[in-house]
Amino acid sequence: MTHLLAIETTEKRGSVAVSIDGKVLLFKELPEGQRSAQSLVPTIRAVLSQVDWPIKSLDAIAVALGPGSFTGLRIGLATARTLAYAVGTKLIGVNTLQAIAANVCLARNSKYSESCKIGQSVTTAVDAQRGEVSAQTFRLTPSRHLAGELFPEPIDERRLLTFDAWWALADVDQTLDFSGPILYKIADRRPETVRLHDESLWSPNAVGVSRIAWERLHAGESDDLLPLQPYYSRPSAAEEAVSNRQ
């Protein structure tokens, strides 16, 4: 049996989850607004203790790479990298936008059946500031590795779009679903043609991170510890200031 720890810290409410062979055993959210190492590490310890897993039993550690909060991404990746190095286990980076797209089928709720079906497309986005989103579109396809499961395959690249340009994707595909934490900010401005996932599915969480990680793990994929970097929507203000001075 393969033991996996998943970490998600890209939004205001971080979370961790543990799973065996693709089945989530325990999911726990961090205290709201607390994504520091001081809160993340004790939560990880508590979750491992509840399922009676020594840290050395971990076969892989998955972490959300963003896009998302600069601080949250750095804390999550630094913690995952340190643990993976200490344990000598695999590290798996996960696209946060893809983890959000996985939420609709992970919910196991019949009211989402129209959105959790083969061939359904969903575009997910996070706030990139300055009136833009960092967005990507996915299509639900049968999993290559987990029987009976659907997996959100990317059908385009992560990109920066204005709010209007993101909404305009619905003009190209009228069956397209929209999701992501940016909707907490702009959902009330959407055109009538835009279809939204239920609000409960908008935020990334460690269960979605775990789902994407299992697909990569079964495909024999993992990441090198040091080269792995977060996905940022744009350079930080400090980095842009340095670049502008050069």
Protein backbone atom coordinates (compact mmCIF):
# COMPACT_ATOMS: atom_id res chain seq x y z
CA MET A 1 0.00 0.00 0.00
CA THR A 2 1.22 3.46 -0.96
CA HIS A 3 0.94 6.26 1.62
CA LEU A 4 0.58 9.84 0.36
CA LEU A 5 0.50 13.17 2.21
CA ALA A 6 -1.01 16.15 0.33
CA ILE A 7 -0.48 19.82 1.22
CA GLU A 8 -2.46 22.80 -0.10
CA THR A 9 -1.58 26.36 0.99
CA THR A 10 -2.31 28.55 -2.04
CA GLU A 11 -5.42 30.26 -0.66
CA LYS A 12 -6.51 31.75 2.68
CA ARG A 13 -7.53 28.37 4.12
CA GLY A 14 -4.80 25.76 3.79
CA SER A 15 -5.36 22.04 4.29
CA VAL A 16 -3.65 18.65 4.43
CA ALA A 17 -4.87 15.14 3.57
CA VAL A 18 -3.55 11.61 3.78
CA SER A 19 -4.54 8.80 1.43
CA ILE A 20 -3.74 5.18 0.63
CA ASP A 21 -3.77 3.99 -2.98
CA GLY A 22 -5.99 6.89 -4.03
CA LYS A 23 -8.46 6.67 -1.11
CA VAL A 24 -8.46 9.67 1.24
CA LEU A 25 -8.39 8.62 4.88
CA LEU A 26 -8.32 12.00 6.58
CA PHE A 27 -8.63 15.66 5.55
CA LYS A 28 -7.96 18.59 7.86
CA GLU A 29 -8.08 22.34 7.28
CA LEU A 30 -5.62 24.75 8.85
CA PRO A 31 -7.01 27.55 11.03
CA GLU A 32 -8.35 30.23 8.67
CA GLY A 33 -5.71 32.73 7.61
CA GLN A 34 -2.87 30.67 9.15
CA ARG A 35 -0.60 29.17 6.52
CA SER A 36 2.67 29.64 8.38
CA ALA A 37 5.06 26.79 9.04
CA GLN A 38 4.09 27.17 12.72
CA SER A 39 0.52 26.04 11.91
CA LEU A 40 1.18 23.76 8.92
CA VAL A 41 3.73 21.45 10.53
CA PRO A 42 1.68 20.77 13.69
CA THR A 43 -1.38 20.04 11.52
CA ILE A 44 0.63 17.54 9.49
CA ARG A 45 1.86 15.89 12.68
CA ALA A 46 -1.69 15.72 14.05
CA VAL A 47 -3.09 14.14 10.87
CA LEU A 48 -0.31 11.54 10.70
CA SER A 49 -0.87 10.75 14.38
CA GLN A 50 -4.63 10.28 13.86
CA VAL A 51 -4.06 7.66 11.16
CA ASP A 52 -1.13 6.18 13.11
CA TRP A 53 1.43 6.74 10.35
CA PRO A 54 5.06 7.34 11.30
CA ILE A 55 6.47 10.05 9.05
CA LYS A 56 8.92 7.49 7.66
CA SER A 57 5.97 5.52 6.27
CA LEU A 58 5.24 8.20 3.64
CA ASP A 59 5.86 7.01 0.09
CA ALA A 60 5.14 10.40 -1.50
CA ILE A 61 4.38 14.00 -0.57
CA ALA A 62 2.24 16.14 -2.88
CA VAL A 63 2.09 19.91 -2.76
CA ALA A 64 0.06 22.54 -4.61
CA LEU A 65 2.38 24.71 -6.71
CA GLY A 66 -0.07 27.47 -7.56
CA PRO A 67 -0.86 29.84 -9.01
CA GLY A 68 -1.91 31.48 -5.76
CA SER A 69 -0.59 33.43 -2.80
CA PHE A 70 3.16 34.13 -2.94
CA THR A 71 3.57 33.52 0.78
CA GLY A 72 1.34 30.46 0.89
CA LEU A 73 3.07 28.83 -2.07
CA ARG A 74 6.51 29.32 -0.60
CA ILE A 75 5.50 27.95 2.79
CA GLY A 76 3.81 24.89 1.31
CA LEU A 77 6.64 24.01 -1.06
CA ALA A 78 9.38 24.63 1.52
CA THR A 79 7.59 22.37 4.02
CA ALA A 80 6.95 19.61 1.46
CA ARG A 81 10.53 19.79 0.16
CA THR A 82 12.00 19.61 3.68
CA LEU A 83 9.82 16.64 4.64
CA ALA A 84 10.53 14.78 1.39
CA TYR A 85 14.27 15.27 1.87
CA ALA A 86 14.16 14.22 5.53
CA VAL A 87 12.10 11.09 4.82
CA GLY A 88 13.82 10.30 1.52
CA THR A 89 10.52 10.06 -0.33
CA LYS A 90 9.03 11.26 -3.63
CA LEU A 91 7.85 14.85 -4.10
CA ILE A 92 4.97 15.58 -6.48
CA GLY A 93 4.05 19.11 -7.52
CA VAL A 94 0.41 19.76 -8.44
CA ASN A 95 -1.12 22.53 -10.54
CA THR A 96 -3.63 24.27 -8.25
CA LEU A 97 -5.97 25.05 -11.16
CA GLN A 98 -6.11 21.35 -12.02
CA ALA A 99 -6.78 20.42 -8.39
CA ILE A 100 -9.76 22.82 -8.38
CA ALA A 101 -11.07 21.21 -11.58
CA ALA A 102 -11.01 17.83 -9.81
CA ASN A 103 -13.36 19.03 -7.06
CA VAL A 104 -16.61 18.46 -8.93
CA CYS A 105 -16.14 14.70 -9.23
CA LEU A 106 -14.58 14.30 -5.80
CA ALA A 107 -17.73 15.76 -4.21
CA ARG A 108 -19.65 12.52 -4.96
CA ASN A 109 -22.89 14.48 -5.03
CA SER A 110 -25.64 13.64 -7.51
CA LYS A 111 -26.54 17.31 -7.92
CA TYR A 112 -23.22 17.79 -9.72
CA SER A 113 -23.80 14.91 -12.17
CA GLU A 114 -24.21 17.27 -15.15
CA SER A 115 -20.75 18.69 -14.42
CA CYS A 116 -19.06 15.37 -13.61
CA LYS A 117 -19.27 13.46 -16.86
CA ILE A 118 -16.94 12.36 -19.64
CA GLY A 119 -16.13 15.20 -22.01
CA GLN A 120 -17.33 18.01 -19.74
CA SER A 121 -15.01 21.03 -19.75
CA VAL A 122 -14.27 23.39 -16.87
CA THR A 123 -12.18 26.52 -16.70
CA THR A 124 -10.69 27.40 -13.32
CA ALA A 125 -9.09 30.64 -12.21
CA VAL A 126 -7.45 32.43 -9.30
CA ASP A 127 -7.02 36.15 -8.75
CA ALA A 128 -3.91 37.52 -10.50
CA GLN A 129 -4.62 41.08 -9.33
CA ARG A 130 -4.79 44.15 -11.61
CA GLY A 131 -8.16 43.08 -13.01
CA GLU A 132 -6.84 39.75 -14.32
CA VAL A 133 -7.11 36.06 -13.56
CA SER A 134 -4.68 33.19 -13.97
CA ALA A 135 -6.82 30.59 -15.74
CA GLN A 136 -6.70 27.20 -17.43
CA THR A 137 -9.27 24.92 -19.03
CA PHE A 138 -9.63 21.16 -18.50
CA ARG A 139 -11.72 18.33 -19.95
CA LEU A 140 -12.91 15.41 -17.83
CA THR A 141 -11.64 12.11 -19.25
CA PRO A 142 -11.54 8.55 -17.92
CA SER A 143 -8.57 8.05 -15.63
CA ARG A 144 -5.77 5.97 -17.06
CA HIS A 145 -4.91 4.55 -13.67
CA LEU A 146 -7.93 4.62 -11.30
CA ALA A 147 -10.88 2.56 -12.52
CA GLY A 148 -14.19 4.38 -12.70
CA GLU A 149 -12.68 7.78 -12.00
CA LEU A 150 -12.62 10.91 -14.17
CA PHE A 151 -9.53 13.08 -14.47
CA PRO A 152 -9.26 16.75 -15.55
CA GLU A 153 -6.86 16.79 -18.52
CA PRO A 154 -5.56 20.24 -19.52
CA ILE A 155 -6.67 21.43 -22.96
CA ASP A 156 -4.80 24.73 -22.90
CA GLU A 157 -1.97 26.41 -20.97
CA ARG A 158 -2.15 28.55 -17.84
CA ARG A 159 -2.57 32.16 -18.94
CA LEU A 160 -3.43 35.64 -17.74
CA LEU A 161 -6.82 36.92 -18.87
CA THR A 162 -8.92 39.96 -18.06
CA PHE A 163 -12.21 39.22 -16.32
CA ASP A 164 -14.10 39.89 -19.56
CA ALA A 165 -11.79 37.65 -21.60
CA TRP A 166 -12.33 34.82 -19.10
CA TRP A 167 -16.10 35.21 -19.23
CA ALA A 168 -15.88 35.27 -23.05
CA LEU A 169 -14.74 31.62 -23.06
CA ALA A 170 -18.42 30.78 -22.56
CA ASP A 171 -19.17 32.30 -25.98
CA VAL A 172 -16.92 29.66 -27.59
CA ASP A 173 -18.23 26.73 -25.51
CA GLN A 174 -21.68 27.30 -24.05
CA THR A 175 -21.46 24.10 -21.99
CA LEU A 176 -18.24 25.25 -20.28
CA ASP A 177 -18.29 25.34 -16.47
CA PHE A 178 -16.48 28.01 -14.46
CA SER A 179 -14.85 27.53 -11.07
CA GLY A 180 -12.14 28.89 -8.80
CA PRO A 181 -11.73 31.20 -5.79
CA ILE A 182 -11.77 34.33 -7.99
CA LEU A 183 -15.54 33.77 -8.20
CA TYR A 184 -15.95 34.89 -4.60
CA LYS A 185 -14.90 38.30 -5.89
CA ILE A 186 -16.55 38.52 -9.33
CA ALA A 187 -19.37 35.95 -9.57
CA ASP A 188 -22.03 38.65 -9.26
CA ARG A 189 -20.65 40.32 -12.41
CA ARG A 190 -20.86 37.29 -14.65
CA PRO A 191 -22.84 37.33 -17.92
CA GLU A 192 -26.04 35.28 -17.94
CA THR A 193 -24.47 32.71 -20.30
CA VAL A 194 -21.78 31.72 -17.80
CA ARG A 195 -22.33 28.46 -15.89
CA LEU A 196 -20.78 28.27 -12.43
CA HIS A 197 -19.84 25.30 -10.31
CA ASP A 198 -21.44 25.28 -6.87
CA GLU A 199 -19.71 27.68 -4.47
CA SER A 200 -18.59 24.74 -2.32
CA LEU A 201 -16.31 23.64 -5.20
CA TRP A 202 -14.53 26.92 -5.88
CA SER A 203 -11.56 26.66 -3.49
CA PRO A 204 -8.54 24.37 -3.82
CA ASN A 205 -8.01 21.79 -1.09
CA ALA A 206 -5.66 18.97 -0.23
CA VAL A 207 -8.14 16.30 -1.42
CA GLY A 208 -7.99 17.71 -4.96
CA VAL A 209 -4.19 17.93 -4.70
CA SER A 210 -4.15 14.29 -3.64
CA ARG A 211 -6.33 13.27 -6.63
CA ILE A 212 -3.99 14.87 -9.18
CA ALA A 213 -0.93 13.53 -7.39
CA TRP A 214 -2.22 9.94 -7.51
CA GLU A 215 -2.61 10.17 -11.26
CA ARG A 216 0.98 11.36 -11.61
CA LEU A 217 2.25 8.77 -9.14
CA HIS A 218 0.56 5.89 -11.00
CA ALA A 219 2.08 7.20 -14.22
CA GLY A 220 5.52 6.88 -12.63
CA GLU A 221 5.99 10.65 -12.35
CA SER A 222 7.57 12.67 -9.55
CA ASP A 223 9.67 15.84 -9.27
CA ASP A 224 13.24 16.63 -8.31
CA LEU A 225 13.40 18.38 -4.95
CA LEU A 226 15.49 21.45 -5.72
CA PRO A 227 14.43 22.43 -9.27
CA LEU A 228 10.71 22.36 -8.36
CA GLN A 229 9.35 25.90 -8.17
CA PRO A 230 5.91 27.46 -7.56
CA TYR A 231 3.74 28.69 -10.44
CA TYR A 232 3.35 32.43 -10.00
CA SER A 233 0.75 34.40 -11.95
CA ARG A 234 3.23 37.26 -12.28
CA PRO A 235 6.46 38.38 -10.56
CA SER A 236 6.09 39.75 -7.04
CA ALA A 237 6.07 43.52 -6.54
CA ALA A 238 9.62 43.34 -5.19
CA GLU A 239 10.82 41.31 -8.18
CA GLU A 240 9.15 43.72 -10.61
CA ALA A 241 10.79 46.67 -8.87
CA VAL A 242 14.22 45.04 -9.24
CA SER A 243 13.50 44.24 -12.90
CA ASN A 244 12.42 47.82 -13.60
CA ARG A 245 15.67 49.18 -12.14
CA GLN A 246 17.80 46.99 -14.40
